[in-house]
């Protein structure tokens, strides 16, 4: 009978370790400072296929001026959805020079596609309404973007 509680305790510890590893993996993304006009943004950078796929999934909150910058190797019509994402978000699709191509609001837990109106290498996710609240519209520039690795 004492074996069962020990197994349950071990299983619980393994689950906690797994959750801690997931949280640490998400926290391990590099953070860069971006600007949108006079506004400062602290953005986690998702530049690998794994980081881009995970994105902001499972997060419960995000600070007001924080976001996630997705960096792709190639310009394309990179579309996004919100499966397993709990936060309502707005996404700005960015041209190479940082100009906002278009902005889309995205509802949590949705599989609706949100796509850029032109081929892009960058997308910036912020809390829903952030761009609108700051008066930031398509054509505005986001400063501080990292150089995307360009493929031939």
C-alpha atoms as a PDB file:
ATOM      1  CA  UNK A   1       0.000   0.000   0.000  1.00  0.00           C
ATOM      2  CA  UNK A   2       2.892   2.380   0.633  1.00  0.00           C
ATOM      3  CA  UNK A   3       4.082   1.813  -2.930  1.00  0.00           C
ATOM      4  CA  UNK A   4       1.020   3.527  -4.456  1.00  0.00           C
ATOM      5  CA  UNK A   5       1.551   6.889  -2.665  1.00  0.00           C
ATOM      6  CA  UNK A   6       5.246   6.821  -3.637  1.00  0.00           C
ATOM      7  CA  UNK A   7       4.340   6.198  -7.304  1.00  0.00           C
ATOM      8  CA  UNK A   8       1.767   9.012  -7.217  1.00  0.00           C
ATOM      9  CA  UNK A   9       4.298  11.311  -5.564  1.00  0.00           C
ATOM     10  CA  UNK A  10       6.902  10.453  -8.217  1.00  0.00           C
ATOM     11  CA  UNK A  11       4.381  10.994 -11.014  1.00  0.00           C
ATOM     12  CA  UNK A  12       3.378  14.355  -9.527  1.00  0.00           C
ATOM     13  CA  UNK A  13       7.022  15.403  -9.230  1.00  0.00           C
ATOM     14  CA  UNK A  14       7.643  14.391 -12.852  1.00  0.00           C
ATOM     15  CA  UNK A  15       4.631  16.438 -13.984  1.00  0.00           C
ATOM     16  CA  UNK A  16       5.852  19.487 -12.052  1.00  0.00           C
ATOM     17  CA  UNK A  17       9.331  19.086 -13.519  1.00  0.00           C
ATOM     18  CA  UNK A  18       7.800  18.897 -16.995  1.00  0.00           C
ATOM     19  CA  UNK A  19       5.749  22.064 -16.404  1.00  0.00           C
ATOM     20  CA  UNK A  20       8.812  23.846 -15.017  1.00  0.00           C
ATOM     21  CA  UNK A  21      10.785  22.805 -18.102  1.00  0.00           C
ATOM     22  CA  UNK A  22       8.049  24.176 -20.385  1.00  0.00           C
ATOM     23  CA  UNK A  23       7.966  27.477 -18.501  1.00  0.00           C
ATOM     24  CA  UNK A  24      11.771  27.677 -18.577  1.00  0.00           C
ATOM     25  CA  UNK A  25      11.846  26.895 -22.327  1.00  0.00           C
ATOM     26  CA  UNK A  26       9.381  29.713 -22.970  1.00  0.00           C
ATOM     27  CA  UNK A  27      11.306  32.077 -20.694  1.00  0.00           C
ATOM     28  CA  UNK A  28      14.561  31.196 -22.455  1.00  0.00           C
ATOM     29  CA  UNK A  29      13.685  33.140 -25.613  1.00  0.00           C
ATOM     30  CA  UNK A  30      15.838  36.227 -26.123  1.00  0.00           C
ATOM     31  CA  UNK A  31      14.174  39.582 -25.473  1.00  0.00           C
ATOM     32  CA  UNK A  32      14.877  42.683 -27.553  1.00  0.00           C
ATOM     33  CA  UNK A  33      13.783  46.301 -27.290  1.00  0.00           C
ATOM     34  CA  UNK A  34      11.660  47.603 -30.144  1.00  0.00           C
ATOM     35  CA  UNK A  35      10.056  50.980 -30.707  1.00  0.00           C
ATOM     36  CA  UNK A  36       6.743  52.017 -32.189  1.00  0.00           C
ATOM     37  CA  UNK A  37       6.950  55.787 -32.433  1.00  0.00           C
ATOM     38  CA  UNK A  38       7.486  56.982 -28.857  1.00  0.00           C
ATOM     39  CA  UNK A  39       6.443  53.623 -27.358  1.00  0.00           C
ATOM     40  CA  UNK A  40       8.926  51.039 -26.102  1.00  0.00           C
ATOM     41  CA  UNK A  41       8.232  47.324 -26.534  1.00  0.00           C
ATOM     42  CA  UNK A  42      10.015  44.418 -24.875  1.00  0.00           C
ATOM     43  CA  UNK A  43       9.602  41.534 -27.317  1.00  0.00           C
ATOM     44  CA  UNK A  44      10.555  37.912 -26.966  1.00  0.00           C
ATOM     45  CA  UNK A  45      12.089  36.722 -30.227  1.00  0.00           C
ATOM     46  CA  UNK A  46      10.730  33.516 -31.761  1.00  0.00           C
ATOM     47  CA  UNK A  47      13.185  32.810 -34.588  1.00  0.00           C
ATOM     48  CA  UNK A  48      13.337  29.005 -34.672  1.00  0.00           C
ATOM     49  CA  UNK A  49      10.601  26.779 -36.098  1.00  0.00           C
ATOM     50  CA  UNK A  50       9.931  25.367 -32.602  1.00  0.00           C
ATOM     51  CA  UNK A  51       9.694  28.793 -30.943  1.00  0.00           C
ATOM     52  CA  UNK A  52       7.455  30.122 -33.717  1.00  0.00           C
ATOM     53  CA  UNK A  53       5.171  27.082 -33.451  1.00  0.00           C
ATOM     54  CA  UNK A  54       4.858  27.447 -29.665  1.00  0.00           C
ATOM     55  CA  UNK A  55       4.505  31.229 -29.738  1.00  0.00           C
ATOM     56  CA  UNK A  56       2.402  32.496 -26.850  1.00  0.00           C
ATOM     57  CA  UNK A  57       0.488  29.226 -26.364  1.00  0.00           C
ATOM     58  CA  UNK A  58      -0.702  28.467 -22.830  1.00  0.00           C
ATOM     59  CA  UNK A  59       0.255  31.875 -21.422  1.00  0.00           C
ATOM     60  CA  UNK A  60      -2.271  33.415 -19.050  1.00  0.00           C
ATOM     61  CA  UNK A  61      -0.970  37.002 -19.045  1.00  0.00           C
ATOM     62  CA  UNK A  62       1.465  39.302 -20.829  1.00  0.00           C
ATOM     63  CA  UNK A  63       2.712  42.672 -19.545  1.00  0.00           C
ATOM     64  CA  UNK A  64       1.224  45.780 -21.202  1.00  0.00           C
ATOM     65  CA  UNK A  65       4.237  46.732 -23.353  1.00  0.00           C
ATOM     66  CA  UNK A  66       5.505  43.212 -23.956  1.00  0.00           C
ATOM     67  CA  UNK A  67       5.048  41.116 -27.057  1.00  0.00           C
ATOM     68  CA  UNK A  68       6.487  38.405 -29.237  1.00  0.00           C
ATOM     69  CA  UNK A  69       8.373  39.051 -32.457  1.00  0.00           C
ATOM     70  CA  UNK A  70       8.316  36.230 -34.986  1.00  0.00           C
ATOM     71  CA  UNK A  71      11.308  36.221 -37.331  1.00  0.00           C
ATOM     72  CA  UNK A  72      11.295  34.104 -40.494  1.00  0.00           C
ATOM     73  CA  UNK A  73      14.189  33.315 -42.831  1.00  0.00           C
ATOM     74  CA  UNK A  74      12.118  33.935 -45.953  1.00  0.00           C
ATOM     75  CA  UNK A  75       9.559  36.504 -46.970  1.00  0.00           C
ATOM     76  CA  UNK A  76       6.221  34.758 -47.428  1.00  0.00           C
ATOM     77  CA  UNK A  77       2.559  34.880 -46.498  1.00  0.00           C
ATOM     78  CA  UNK A  78       3.157  33.566 -42.970  1.00  0.00           C
ATOM     79  CA  UNK A  79      -0.297  33.053 -41.456  1.00  0.00           C
ATOM     80  CA  UNK A  80      -1.092  32.732 -37.746  1.00  0.00           C
ATOM     81  CA  UNK A  81      -3.842  31.134 -35.689  1.00  0.00           C
ATOM     82  CA  UNK A  82      -4.635  31.014 -31.989  1.00  0.00           C
ATOM     83  CA  UNK A  83      -5.009  27.321 -31.193  1.00  0.00           C
ATOM     84  CA  UNK A  84      -4.053  26.744 -27.531  1.00  0.00           C
ATOM     85  CA  UNK A  85      -3.501  30.486 -27.037  1.00  0.00           C
ATOM     86  CA  UNK A  86      -5.439  31.940 -24.121  1.00  0.00           C
ATOM     87  CA  UNK A  87      -4.642  35.628 -24.642  1.00  0.00           C
ATOM     88  CA  UNK A  88      -6.553  37.868 -27.058  1.00  0.00           C
ATOM     89  CA  UNK A  89      -3.857  39.359 -29.306  1.00  0.00           C
ATOM     90  CA  UNK A  90      -3.283  41.844 -32.096  1.00  0.00           C
ATOM     91  CA  UNK A  91      -0.677  40.996 -34.712  1.00  0.00           C
ATOM     92  CA  UNK A  92       1.208  43.437 -36.921  1.00  0.00           C
ATOM     93  CA  UNK A  93       2.812  42.015 -40.053  1.00  0.00           C
ATOM     94  CA  UNK A  94       6.034  43.878 -40.798  1.00  0.00           C
ATOM     95  CA  UNK A  95       7.983  44.582 -43.983  1.00  0.00           C
ATOM     96  CA  UNK A  96      11.789  44.318 -43.940  1.00  0.00           C
ATOM     97  CA  UNK A  97      12.106  48.046 -43.174  1.00  0.00           C
ATOM     98  CA  UNK A  98       9.781  47.715 -40.153  1.00  0.00           C
ATOM     99  CA  UNK A  99       6.739  49.227 -41.859  1.00  0.00           C
ATOM    100  CA  UNK A 100       3.465  47.716 -40.702  1.00  0.00           C
ATOM    101  CA  UNK A 101       1.768  46.001 -43.648  1.00  0.00           C
ATOM    102  CA  UNK A 102      -1.465  45.196 -41.799  1.00  0.00           C
ATOM    103  CA  UNK A 103      -2.768  44.606 -38.282  1.00  0.00           C
ATOM    104  CA  UNK A 104      -5.243  41.874 -37.309  1.00  0.00           C
ATOM    105  CA  UNK A 105      -7.044  41.215 -34.020  1.00  0.00           C
ATOM    106  CA  UNK A 106      -7.060  37.558 -33.017  1.00  0.00           C
ATOM    107  CA  UNK A 107      -9.505  35.829 -30.659  1.00  0.00           C
ATOM    108  CA  UNK A 108      -8.187  33.240 -28.180  1.00  0.00           C
ATOM    109  CA  UNK A 109      -8.543  29.520 -28.892  1.00  0.00           C
ATOM    110  CA  UNK A 110      -9.424  30.092 -32.555  1.00  0.00           C
ATOM    111  CA  UNK A 111      -8.192  28.287 -35.640  1.00  0.00           C
ATOM    112  CA  UNK A 112      -9.072  31.239 -37.898  1.00  0.00           C
ATOM    113  CA  UNK A 113      -6.133  32.233 -40.103  1.00  0.00           C
ATOM    114  CA  UNK A 114      -4.665  35.738 -39.912  1.00  0.00           C
ATOM    115  CA  UNK A 115      -2.352  36.483 -42.830  1.00  0.00           C
ATOM    116  CA  UNK A 116      -0.252  39.386 -44.095  1.00  0.00           C
ATOM    117  CA  UNK A 117      -1.402  41.314 -47.163  1.00  0.00           C
ATOM    118  CA  UNK A 118       2.129  41.039 -48.587  1.00  0.00           C
ATOM    119  CA  UNK A 119       5.066  38.669 -48.119  1.00  0.00           C
ATOM    120  CA  UNK A 120       6.839  39.429 -44.819  1.00  0.00           C
ATOM    121  CA  UNK A 121       9.686  38.163 -42.613  1.00  0.00           C
ATOM    122  CA  UNK A 122       8.372  39.605 -39.336  1.00  0.00           C
ATOM    123  CA  UNK A 123       5.207  39.558 -37.255  1.00  0.00           C
ATOM    124  CA  UNK A 124       4.720  41.242 -33.878  1.00  0.00           C
ATOM    125  CA  UNK A 125       2.063  40.005 -31.443  1.00  0.00           C
ATOM    126  CA  UNK A 126       0.888  42.323 -28.667  1.00  0.00           C
ATOM    127  CA  UNK A 127      -2.076  42.296 -26.293  1.00  0.00           C
ATOM    128  CA  UNK A 128      -5.318  42.835 -28.220  1.00  0.00           C
ATOM    129  CA  UNK A 129      -5.930  46.494 -28.966  1.00  0.00           C
ATOM    130  CA  UNK A 130      -2.384  47.647 -28.166  1.00  0.00           C
ATOM    131  CA  UNK A 131      -1.752  49.098 -31.635  1.00  0.00           C
ATOM    132  CA  UNK A 132      -5.184  50.784 -31.805  1.00  0.00           C
ATOM    133  CA  UNK A 133      -4.831  52.260 -28.299  1.00  0.00           C
ATOM    134  CA  UNK A 134      -1.516  53.833 -29.315  1.00  0.00           C
ATOM    135  CA  UNK A 135      -2.835  55.091 -32.659  1.00  0.00           C
ATOM    136  CA  UNK A 136      -0.397  52.846 -34.545  1.00  0.00           C
ATOM    137  CA  UNK A 137      -1.679  51.905 -37.998  1.00  0.00           C
ATOM    138  CA  UNK A 138      -0.420  50.274 -41.200  1.00  0.00           C
ATOM    139  CA  UNK A 139       2.460  52.302 -42.624  1.00  0.00           C
ATOM    140  CA  UNK A 140       3.904  53.127 -39.182  1.00  0.00           C
ATOM    141  CA  UNK A 141       7.365  51.705 -38.494  1.00  0.00           C
ATOM    142  CA  UNK A 142       8.594  49.379 -35.801  1.00  0.00           C
ATOM    143  CA  UNK A 143      12.228  50.131 -34.959  1.00  0.00           C
ATOM    144  CA  UNK A 144      14.936  47.810 -33.666  1.00  0.00           C
ATOM    145  CA  UNK A 145      14.139  44.721 -35.741  1.00  0.00           C
ATOM    146  CA  UNK A 146      16.937  42.141 -35.833  1.00  0.00           C
ATOM    147  CA  UNK A 147      18.435  41.195 -39.168  1.00  0.00           C
ATOM    148  CA  UNK A 148      16.634  38.185 -40.548  1.00  0.00           C
ATOM    149  CA  UNK A 149      18.877  35.418 -41.842  1.00  0.00           C
ATOM    150  CA  UNK A 150      18.313  35.559 -45.559  1.00  0.00           C
ATOM    151  CA  UNK A 151      18.397  32.436 -47.681  1.00  0.00           C
ATOM    152  CA  UNK A 152      19.338  32.425 -51.342  1.00  0.00           C
END
